[in-house]
Amino acid sequence: MRRTSFDGMLCPIARGLERVGEWWSILILRDAFHGLTRFDQFQASLGIAPNTLTRRLNALVEAGLMERRLYNDRPPRHEYRLTERGRDFLPVLVALTAWGTRHFAPEGPAGVFVDVETGQVADPVMVDRVSGRPLDLERFRFAAGPAADEPLRRRMAYADRKRAKGETPDQTPKP
């Protein structure tokens, strides 16, 4: 079954999902952050079919998140390394890990993100780089940017109308 492409959408979430929205892709990126680089390492870690792994690695290379480097001439063997674009995915993985642990791991964290110098477990939150404040729907909102099309502007206006009525856009009335 062929899926719809999000590539033509203006939404950066849709465009990001076009590159990493298939679950194997995110797990491959996770493993790359853990130091795995070779096809057999990814396959052993994930238990993924070779043809599926080949497709996902090719897609990640094509999307510019990983690069393929030859490490053996005979037979030709490649390793896969994160690019700058791929390394920029780290905050997404950290946030997804924290969210998954908080809501779907009643047994506790399977892994934690720690400070290299102190060994202290990090408590990841997203903050505004300018103010240093945690991002939440009380202080911040999505707003249409310069490239927004009319449907996006309507969605943003709808959220603003809800906020004006004293509701957060997620339907939760403010206390």
N, C-alpha and C. Protein backbone atom coordinates (compact mmCIF):
# COMPACT_ATOMS: atom_id res chain seq x y z
N MET A 1 0.83 -1.17 0.00
CA MET A 1 0.00 0.00 0.00
C MET A 1 0.89 1.24 0.00
N ARG A 2 0.65 2.13 -0.91
CA ARG A 2 1.42 3.36 -1.01
C ARG A 2 0.79 4.43 -0.14
N ARG A 3 1.60 5.11 0.62
CA ARG A 3 1.08 6.14 1.51
C ARG A 3 1.16 7.51 0.85
N THR A 4 0.41 8.43 1.40
CA THR A 4 0.42 9.80 0.92
C THR A 4 1.71 10.48 1.34
N SER A 5 2.27 11.28 0.45
CA SER A 5 3.48 12.04 0.78
C SER A 5 3.09 13.36 1.44
N PHE A 6 3.82 13.71 2.48
CA PHE A 6 3.62 14.99 3.17
C PHE A 6 4.59 16.06 2.65
N ASP A 7 5.44 15.69 1.71
CA ASP A 7 6.52 16.56 1.28
C ASP A 7 6.04 17.92 0.76
N GLY A 8 4.88 17.96 0.12
CA GLY A 8 4.39 19.22 -0.43
C GLY A 8 3.67 20.10 0.56
N MET A 9 3.44 19.62 1.76
CA MET A 9 2.74 20.42 2.77
C MET A 9 3.67 21.50 3.32
N LEU A 10 3.10 22.61 3.71
CA LEU A 10 3.88 23.70 4.29
C LEU A 10 4.24 23.44 5.75
N CYS A 11 3.51 22.57 6.41
CA CYS A 11 3.70 22.32 7.83
C CYS A 11 5.06 21.65 8.09
N PRO A 12 5.89 22.24 8.96
CA PRO A 12 7.18 21.62 9.25
C PRO A 12 7.05 20.27 9.95
N ILE A 13 5.98 20.07 10.69
CA ILE A 13 5.77 18.75 11.31
C ILE A 13 5.56 17.71 10.22
N ALA A 14 4.70 18.02 9.26
CA ALA A 14 4.45 17.09 8.16
C ALA A 14 5.73 16.82 7.37
N ARG A 15 6.48 17.86 7.10
CA ARG A 15 7.73 17.68 6.35
C ARG A 15 8.74 16.85 7.14
N GLY A 16 8.80 17.05 8.45
CA GLY A 16 9.68 16.23 9.28
C GLY A 16 9.23 14.78 9.29
N LEU A 17 7.91 14.57 9.40
CA LEU A 17 7.39 13.20 9.38
C LEU A 17 7.66 12.51 8.06
N GLU A 18 7.71 13.27 6.98
CA GLU A 18 8.05 12.69 5.67
C GLU A 18 9.42 12.02 5.73
N ARG A 19 10.32 12.57 6.55
CA ARG A 19 11.69 12.02 6.65
C ARG A 19 11.83 10.96 7.72
N VAL A 20 11.13 11.10 8.84
CA VAL A 20 11.36 10.19 9.96
C VAL A 20 10.08 9.55 10.50
N GLY A 21 8.96 9.73 9.83
CA GLY A 21 7.67 9.30 10.38
C GLY A 21 7.45 7.80 10.39
N GLU A 22 8.24 7.04 9.69
CA GLU A 22 8.13 5.59 9.70
C GLU A 22 8.91 5.11 10.92
N TRP A 23 8.28 4.28 11.77
CA TRP A 23 8.89 3.98 13.08
C TRP A 23 10.27 3.39 13.01
N TRP A 24 10.56 2.59 11.98
CA TRP A 24 11.92 2.03 11.89
C TRP A 24 12.95 3.14 11.77
N SER A 25 12.60 4.22 11.08
CA SER A 25 13.55 5.32 10.90
C SER A 25 13.96 5.92 12.24
N ILE A 26 13.00 6.14 13.10
CA ILE A 26 13.31 6.73 14.41
C ILE A 26 14.15 5.77 15.24
N LEU A 27 13.85 4.48 15.16
CA LEU A 27 14.65 3.50 15.92
C LEU A 27 16.06 3.37 15.36
N ILE A 28 16.22 3.50 14.06
CA ILE A 28 17.56 3.50 13.46
C ILE A 28 18.33 4.73 13.94
N LEU A 29 17.68 5.88 13.94
CA LEU A 29 18.33 7.10 14.45
C LEU A 29 18.70 6.94 15.92
N ARG A 30 17.80 6.36 16.71
CA ARG A 30 18.11 6.10 18.12
C ARG A 30 19.38 5.28 18.24
N ASP A 31 19.45 4.19 17.47
CA ASP A 31 20.62 3.32 17.53
C ASP A 31 21.88 4.02 17.04
N ALA A 32 21.75 4.90 16.05
CA ALA A 32 22.91 5.66 15.58
C ALA A 32 23.42 6.57 16.69
N PHE A 33 22.52 7.17 17.46
CA PHE A 33 22.95 7.98 18.61
C PHE A 33 23.63 7.12 19.67
N HIS A 34 23.32 5.83 19.71
CA HIS A 34 23.97 4.91 20.65
C HIS A 34 25.28 4.36 20.10
N GLY A 35 25.67 4.82 18.91
CA GLY A 35 26.97 4.46 18.36
C GLY A 35 26.97 3.39 17.28
N LEU A 36 25.82 2.82 16.96
CA LEU A 36 25.78 1.82 15.91
C LEU A 36 25.98 2.50 14.55
N THR A 37 26.74 1.85 13.66
CA THR A 37 27.02 2.43 12.35
C THR A 37 26.87 1.43 11.21
N ARG A 38 26.90 0.16 11.52
CA ARG A 38 26.94 -0.84 10.44
C ARG A 38 25.62 -1.57 10.29
N PHE A 39 25.36 -1.97 9.06
CA PHE A 39 24.11 -2.64 8.71
C PHE A 39 23.82 -3.79 9.66
N ASP A 40 24.80 -4.66 9.87
CA ASP A 40 24.58 -5.83 10.74
C ASP A 40 24.29 -5.44 12.18
N GLN A 41 24.87 -4.32 12.64
CA GLN A 41 24.59 -3.84 13.99
C GLN A 41 23.13 -3.39 14.11
N PHE A 42 22.67 -2.61 13.13
CA PHE A 42 21.28 -2.15 13.15
C PHE A 42 20.34 -3.35 13.07
N GLN A 43 20.66 -4.30 12.20
CA GLN A 43 19.80 -5.46 12.03
C GLN A 43 19.72 -6.28 13.32
N ALA A 44 20.85 -6.50 13.97
CA ALA A 44 20.86 -7.27 15.22
C ALA A 44 20.11 -6.53 16.32
N SER A 45 20.27 -5.23 16.41
CA SER A 45 19.62 -4.46 17.45
C SER A 45 18.10 -4.43 17.27
N LEU A 46 17.67 -4.28 16.03
CA LEU A 46 16.25 -4.05 15.76
C LEU A 46 15.47 -5.31 15.39
N GLY A 47 16.17 -6.35 14.95
CA GLY A 47 15.45 -7.54 14.48
C GLY A 47 14.63 -7.24 13.23
N ILE A 48 15.11 -6.34 12.42
CA ILE A 48 14.42 -5.85 11.23
C ILE A 48 14.82 -6.67 10.01
N ALA A 49 13.89 -6.86 9.10
CA ALA A 49 14.19 -7.58 7.87
C ALA A 49 15.22 -6.80 7.04
N PRO A 50 16.16 -7.49 6.41
CA PRO A 50 17.21 -6.80 5.65
C PRO A 50 16.67 -5.85 4.58
N ASN A 51 15.63 -6.27 3.86
CA ASN A 51 15.10 -5.39 2.81
C ASN A 51 14.48 -4.12 3.40
N THR A 52 13.83 -4.24 4.55
CA THR A 52 13.23 -3.07 5.20
C THR A 52 14.34 -2.16 5.71
N LEU A 53 15.37 -2.73 6.32
CA LEU A 53 16.49 -1.94 6.82
C LEU A 53 17.18 -1.20 5.67
N THR A 54 17.38 -1.88 4.56
CA THR A 54 18.00 -1.24 3.39
C THR A 54 17.17 -0.05 2.94
N ARG A 55 15.86 -0.22 2.84
CA ARG A 55 14.98 0.88 2.41
C ARG A 55 15.04 2.05 3.39
N ARG A 56 14.99 1.76 4.67
CA ARG A 56 14.99 2.84 5.67
C ARG A 56 16.34 3.57 5.70
N LEU A 57 17.44 2.82 5.63
CA LEU A 57 18.76 3.47 5.59
C LEU A 57 18.90 4.33 4.34
N ASN A 58 18.46 3.82 3.20
CA ASN A 58 18.51 4.60 1.96
C ASN A 58 17.68 5.87 2.08
N ALA A 59 16.51 5.76 2.70
CA ALA A 59 15.64 6.94 2.87
C ALA A 59 16.29 7.96 3.80
N LEU A 60 16.94 7.50 4.87
CA LEU A 60 17.60 8.41 5.80
C LEU A 60 18.80 9.10 5.14
N VAL A 61 19.51 8.38 4.28
CA VAL A 61 20.62 8.97 3.53
C VAL A 61 20.06 10.00 2.54
N GLU A 62 19.02 9.63 1.83
CA GLU A 62 18.41 10.53 0.85
C GLU A 62 17.86 11.80 1.51
N ALA A 63 17.33 11.66 2.73
CA ALA A 63 16.79 12.81 3.46
C ALA A 63 17.89 13.66 4.10
N GLY A 64 19.14 13.19 4.03
CA GLY A 64 20.25 13.96 4.57
C GLY A 64 20.44 13.81 6.07
N LEU A 65 19.81 12.80 6.68
CA LEU A 65 19.99 12.59 8.12
C LEU A 65 21.18 11.69 8.43
N MET A 66 21.54 10.85 7.46
CA MET A 66 22.70 9.98 7.62
C MET A 66 23.50 10.03 6.33
N GLU A 67 24.78 9.68 6.45
CA GLU A 67 25.61 9.54 5.25
C GLU A 67 26.19 8.14 5.23
N ARG A 68 26.39 7.65 4.03
CA ARG A 68 26.93 6.31 3.82
C ARG A 68 28.42 6.45 3.51
N ARG A 69 29.26 5.69 4.24
CA ARG A 69 30.71 5.72 4.02
C ARG A 69 31.21 4.30 3.78
N LEU A 70 32.00 4.14 2.76
CA LEU A 70 32.61 2.84 2.46
C LEU A 70 33.69 2.55 3.50
N TYR A 71 33.62 1.39 4.15
CA TYR A 71 34.67 1.03 5.10
C TYR A 71 35.41 -0.23 4.69
N ASN A 72 34.92 -0.93 3.65
CA ASN A 72 35.59 -2.13 3.16
C ASN A 72 35.37 -2.21 1.65
N ASP A 73 36.47 -2.43 0.90
CA ASP A 73 36.35 -2.49 -0.56
C ASP A 73 35.85 -3.83 -1.06
N ARG A 74 36.39 -4.92 -0.49
CA ARG A 74 36.02 -6.25 -0.97
C ARG A 74 35.63 -7.14 0.19
N PRO A 75 34.41 -7.50 0.29
CA PRO A 75 33.29 -6.99 -0.48
C PRO A 75 32.97 -5.57 -0.04
N PRO A 76 32.29 -4.79 -0.89
CA PRO A 76 31.98 -3.41 -0.49
C PRO A 76 31.03 -3.40 0.71
N ARG A 77 31.44 -2.70 1.75
CA ARG A 77 30.63 -2.57 2.96
C ARG A 77 30.61 -1.10 3.36
N HIS A 78 29.46 -0.68 3.83
CA HIS A 78 29.28 0.72 4.21
C HIS A 78 28.91 0.83 5.69
N GLU A 79 29.25 1.97 6.24
CA GLU A 79 28.74 2.33 7.55
C GLU A 79 27.87 3.57 7.37
N TYR A 80 27.04 3.81 8.35
CA TYR A 80 26.09 4.92 8.28
C TYR A 80 26.34 5.83 9.47
N ARG A 81 26.59 7.09 9.17
CA ARG A 81 26.90 8.08 10.20
C ARG A 81 25.87 9.20 10.17
N LEU A 82 25.56 9.72 11.34
CA LEU A 82 24.65 10.86 11.42
C LEU A 82 25.30 12.09 10.79
N THR A 83 24.51 12.83 10.05
CA THR A 83 24.96 14.12 9.52
C THR A 83 24.58 15.20 10.54
N GLU A 84 24.90 16.43 10.24
CA GLU A 84 24.48 17.53 11.13
C GLU A 84 22.95 17.53 11.25
N ARG A 85 22.26 17.34 10.14
CA ARG A 85 20.80 17.29 10.16
C ARG A 85 20.32 16.14 11.04
N GLY A 86 20.98 15.02 10.96
CA GLY A 86 20.62 13.88 11.80
C GLY A 86 20.90 14.15 13.27
N ARG A 87 22.04 14.76 13.56
CA ARG A 87 22.38 15.09 14.95
C ARG A 87 21.40 16.10 15.54
N ASP A 88 20.85 16.95 14.69
CA ASP A 88 19.85 17.92 15.15
C ASP A 88 18.54 17.25 15.59
N PHE A 89 18.40 15.96 15.32
CA PHE A 89 17.21 15.21 15.73
C PHE A 89 17.28 14.80 17.21
N LEU A 90 18.44 14.97 17.85
CA LEU A 90 18.61 14.54 19.24
C LEU A 90 17.53 15.09 20.18
N PRO A 91 17.22 16.38 20.17
CA PRO A 91 16.19 16.86 21.09
C PRO A 91 14.83 16.18 20.90
N VAL A 92 14.53 15.81 19.67
CA VAL A 92 13.27 15.10 19.40
C VAL A 92 13.30 13.73 20.07
N LEU A 93 14.42 13.01 19.93
CA LEU A 93 14.55 11.70 20.56
C LEU A 93 14.51 11.79 22.08
N VAL A 94 15.16 12.80 22.63
CA VAL A 94 15.16 12.97 24.09
C VAL A 94 13.74 13.25 24.56
N ALA A 95 13.03 14.14 23.85
CA ALA A 95 11.65 14.47 24.23
C ALA A 95 10.74 13.25 24.10
N LEU A 96 10.90 12.48 23.02
CA LEU A 96 10.08 11.28 22.83
C LEU A 96 10.39 10.24 23.90
N THR A 97 11.64 10.12 24.28
CA THR A 97 12.03 9.20 25.35
C THR A 97 11.39 9.61 26.67
N ALA A 98 11.49 10.88 27.01
CA ALA A 98 10.92 11.37 28.28
C ALA A 98 9.41 11.17 28.29
N TRP A 99 8.75 11.49 27.18
CA TRP A 99 7.29 11.34 27.08
C TRP A 99 6.89 9.87 27.18
N GLY A 100 7.59 9.00 26.44
CA GLY A 100 7.29 7.57 26.48
C GLY A 100 7.51 6.97 27.86
N THR A 101 8.58 7.39 28.52
CA THR A 101 8.85 6.90 29.87
C THR A 101 7.78 7.37 30.84
N ARG A 102 7.41 8.62 30.74
CA ARG A 102 6.43 9.19 31.67
C ARG A 102 5.05 8.54 31.54
N HIS A 103 4.64 8.27 30.31
CA HIS A 103 3.26 7.82 30.09
C HIS A 103 3.10 6.33 29.77
N PHE A 104 4.16 5.66 29.35
CA PHE A 104 3.99 4.28 28.88
C PHE A 104 5.00 3.30 29.47
N ALA A 105 5.68 3.67 30.54
CA ALA A 105 6.66 2.78 31.15
C ALA A 105 6.41 2.68 32.65
N PRO A 106 5.34 1.98 33.05
CA PRO A 106 5.04 1.89 34.48
C PRO A 106 6.15 1.20 35.27
N GLU A 107 6.98 0.42 34.60
CA GLU A 107 8.09 -0.27 35.26
C GLU A 107 9.27 0.67 35.50
N GLY A 108 9.21 1.88 34.93
CA GLY A 108 10.30 2.84 35.09
C GLY A 108 11.11 2.96 33.82
N PRO A 109 12.09 3.85 33.82
CA PRO A 109 12.87 4.10 32.61
C PRO A 109 13.77 2.93 32.25
N ALA A 110 13.76 2.59 30.96
CA ALA A 110 14.68 1.58 30.46
C ALA A 110 16.06 2.18 30.24
N GLY A 111 16.10 3.47 30.00
CA GLY A 111 17.35 4.19 29.82
C GLY A 111 17.13 5.63 30.26
N VAL A 112 18.19 6.29 30.60
CA VAL A 112 18.10 7.69 31.03
C VAL A 112 19.16 8.51 30.30
N PHE A 113 18.95 9.79 30.24
CA PHE A 113 19.88 10.75 29.64
C PHE A 113 20.64 11.36 30.81
N VAL A 114 21.97 11.27 30.79
CA VAL A 114 22.76 11.71 31.95
C VAL A 114 23.81 12.74 31.54
N ASP A 115 24.17 13.58 32.49
CA ASP A 115 25.23 14.56 32.33
C ASP A 115 26.56 13.79 32.30
N VAL A 116 27.35 13.99 31.26
CA VAL A 116 28.61 13.26 31.09
C VAL A 116 29.59 13.54 32.23
N GLU A 117 29.62 14.78 32.72
CA GLU A 117 30.58 15.14 33.76
C GLU A 117 30.16 14.66 35.14
N THR A 118 28.87 14.80 35.47
CA THR A 118 28.43 14.50 36.84
C THR A 118 27.76 13.14 36.97
N GLY A 119 27.28 12.59 35.86
CA GLY A 119 26.52 11.34 35.92
C GLY A 119 25.09 11.55 36.37
N GLN A 120 24.73 12.79 36.65
CA GLN A 120 23.37 13.11 37.12
C GLN A 120 22.36 12.88 35.99
N VAL A 121 21.24 12.27 36.35
CA VAL A 121 20.17 12.04 35.38
C VAL A 121 19.53 13.37 35.01
N ALA A 122 19.39 13.61 33.73
CA ALA A 122 18.77 14.84 33.24
C ALA A 122 17.26 14.73 33.32
N ASP A 123 16.62 15.86 33.50
CA ASP A 123 15.16 15.95 33.46
C ASP A 123 14.84 16.84 32.26
N PRO A 124 14.72 16.25 31.07
CA PRO A 124 14.60 17.05 29.86
C PRO A 124 13.27 17.80 29.76
N VAL A 125 13.39 19.08 29.45
CA VAL A 125 12.24 19.92 29.13
C VAL A 125 12.64 20.80 27.95
N MET A 126 11.66 21.21 27.19
CA MET A 126 11.95 22.16 26.11
C MET A 126 11.77 23.56 26.66
N VAL A 127 12.74 24.41 26.35
CA VAL A 127 12.66 25.79 26.81
C VAL A 127 12.87 26.73 25.63
N ASP A 128 12.36 27.94 25.79
CA ASP A 128 12.59 28.99 24.82
C ASP A 128 14.03 29.47 24.98
N ARG A 129 14.79 29.46 23.92
CA ARG A 129 16.20 29.86 23.98
C ARG A 129 16.35 31.31 24.42
N VAL A 130 15.41 32.17 24.05
CA VAL A 130 15.51 33.60 24.38
C VAL A 130 15.22 33.86 25.86
N SER A 131 14.09 33.35 26.36
CA SER A 131 13.69 33.65 27.74
C SER A 131 14.15 32.60 28.74
N GLY A 132 14.44 31.39 28.26
CA GLY A 132 14.80 30.31 29.17
C GLY A 132 13.60 29.67 29.84
N ARG A 133 12.38 30.09 29.48
CA ARG A 133 11.17 29.56 30.12
C ARG A 133 10.73 28.26 29.45
N PRO A 134 10.20 27.32 30.24
CA PRO A 134 9.67 26.08 29.66
C PRO A 134 8.52 26.38 28.70
N LEU A 135 8.49 25.63 27.60
CA LEU A 135 7.42 25.81 26.62
C LEU A 135 6.15 25.15 27.12
N ASP A 136 5.09 25.92 27.20
CA ASP A 136 3.78 25.40 27.57
C ASP A 136 2.71 26.25 26.89
N LEU A 137 1.47 25.80 26.95
CA LEU A 137 0.38 26.52 26.27
C LEU A 137 -0.14 27.70 27.09
N GLU A 138 0.37 27.88 28.29
CA GLU A 138 -0.03 29.04 29.08
C GLU A 138 0.71 30.30 28.60
N ARG A 139 2.01 30.16 28.32
CA ARG A 139 2.83 31.32 27.94
C ARG A 139 3.08 31.43 26.45
N PHE A 140 2.99 30.33 25.76
CA PHE A 140 3.34 30.31 24.34
C PHE A 140 2.19 29.78 23.52
N ARG A 141 2.19 30.12 22.24
CA ARG A 141 1.18 29.61 21.33
C ARG A 141 1.80 29.45 19.95
N PHE A 142 1.19 28.61 19.16
CA PHE A 142 1.58 28.50 17.77
C PHE A 142 1.00 29.70 17.04
N ALA A 143 1.74 30.25 16.12
CA ALA A 143 1.27 31.37 15.31
C ALA A 143 1.68 31.13 13.87
N ALA A 144 0.90 31.65 12.97
CA ALA A 144 1.21 31.52 11.55
C ALA A 144 2.49 32.27 11.23
N GLY A 145 3.35 31.64 10.46
CA GLY A 145 4.59 32.27 10.03
C GLY A 145 4.43 32.88 8.64
N PRO A 146 5.48 33.46 8.13
CA PRO A 146 5.41 34.14 6.84
C PRO A 146 5.00 33.23 5.68
N ALA A 147 5.31 31.95 5.75
CA ALA A 147 4.99 31.04 4.66
C ALA A 147 3.65 30.33 4.85
N ALA A 148 2.90 30.68 5.89
CA ALA A 148 1.64 29.99 6.19
C ALA A 148 0.62 30.18 5.07
N ASP A 149 -0.08 29.10 4.77
CA ASP A 149 -1.16 29.20 3.79
C ASP A 149 -2.47 29.49 4.52
N GLU A 150 -3.56 29.64 3.78
CA GLU A 150 -4.83 30.01 4.39
C GLU A 150 -5.37 28.95 5.35
N PRO A 151 -5.31 27.65 5.03
CA PRO A 151 -5.79 26.65 6.00
C PRO A 151 -5.03 26.71 7.33
N LEU A 152 -3.72 26.93 7.28
CA LEU A 152 -2.96 27.04 8.52
C LEU A 152 -3.37 28.29 9.28
N ARG A 153 -3.54 29.39 8.58
CA ARG A 153 -3.96 30.63 9.25
C ARG A 153 -5.33 30.44 9.92
N ARG A 154 -6.23 29.69 9.29
CA ARG A 154 -7.54 29.42 9.89
C ARG A 154 -7.40 28.58 11.16
N ARG A 155 -6.54 27.57 11.13
CA ARG A 155 -6.33 26.74 12.32
C ARG A 155 -5.76 27.57 13.47
N MET A 156 -4.83 28.44 13.16
CA MET A 156 -4.25 29.29 14.20
C MET A 156 -5.29 30.27 14.74
N ALA A 157 -6.13 30.82 13.88
CA ALA A 157 -7.18 31.75 14.32
C ALA A 157 -8.18 31.02 15.21
N TYR A 158 -8.49 29.77 14.89
CA TYR A 158 -9.42 28.98 15.71
C TYR A 158 -8.85 28.81 17.12
N ALA A 159 -7.56 28.48 17.20
CA ALA A 159 -6.92 28.32 18.51
C ALA A 159 -6.94 29.65 19.27
N ASP A 160 -6.72 30.75 18.57
CA ASP A 160 -6.75 32.07 19.23
C ASP A 160 -8.15 32.38 19.76
N ARG A 161 -9.20 32.02 19.02
CA ARG A 161 -10.57 32.25 19.49
C ARG A 161 -10.86 31.42 20.74
N LYS A 162 -10.40 30.19 20.78
CA LYS A 162 -10.58 29.35 21.97
C LYS A 162 -9.87 29.97 23.16
N ARG A 163 -8.66 30.45 22.94
CA ARG A 163 -7.89 31.06 24.01
C ARG A 163 -8.62 32.30 24.53
N ALA A 164 -9.20 33.08 23.63
CA ALA A 164 -9.93 34.29 24.03
C ALA A 164 -11.16 33.94 24.88
N LYS A 165 -11.73 32.76 24.69
CA LYS A 165 -12.89 32.31 25.48
C LYS A 165 -12.46 31.72 26.82
N GLY A 166 -11.16 31.70 27.08
CA GLY A 166 -10.67 31.15 28.33
C GLY A 166 -10.37 29.67 28.28
N GLU A 167 -10.26 29.12 27.08
CA GLU A 167 -9.93 27.70 26.92
C GLU A 167 -8.56 27.59 26.29
N THR A 168 -7.86 26.52 26.64
CA THR A 168 -6.63 26.25 25.93
C THR A 168 -7.00 25.53 24.64
N PRO A 169 -6.17 25.63 23.61
CA PRO A 169 -6.51 25.00 22.34
C PRO A 169 -6.74 23.49 22.42
N ASP A 170 -6.22 22.85 23.47
CA ASP A 170 -6.41 21.40 23.60
C ASP A 170 -7.75 21.04 24.25
N GLN A 171 -8.66 22.00 24.34
CA GLN A 171 -10.02 21.80 24.84
C GLN A 171 -10.11 21.81 26.37
N THR A 172 -9.01 22.02 27.06
CA THR A 172 -9.05 22.02 28.52
C THR A 172 -9.37 23.42 29.03
N PRO A 173 -10.51 23.63 29.69
CA PRO A 173 -10.80 24.95 30.23
C PRO A 173 -9.75 25.36 31.24
N LYS A 174 -9.39 26.63 31.21
CA LYS A 174 -8.43 27.13 32.20
C LYS A 174 -9.08 27.18 33.57
N PRO A 175 -8.32 26.89 34.63
CA PRO A 175 -8.88 26.92 35.98
C PRO A 175 -9.27 28.33 36.41
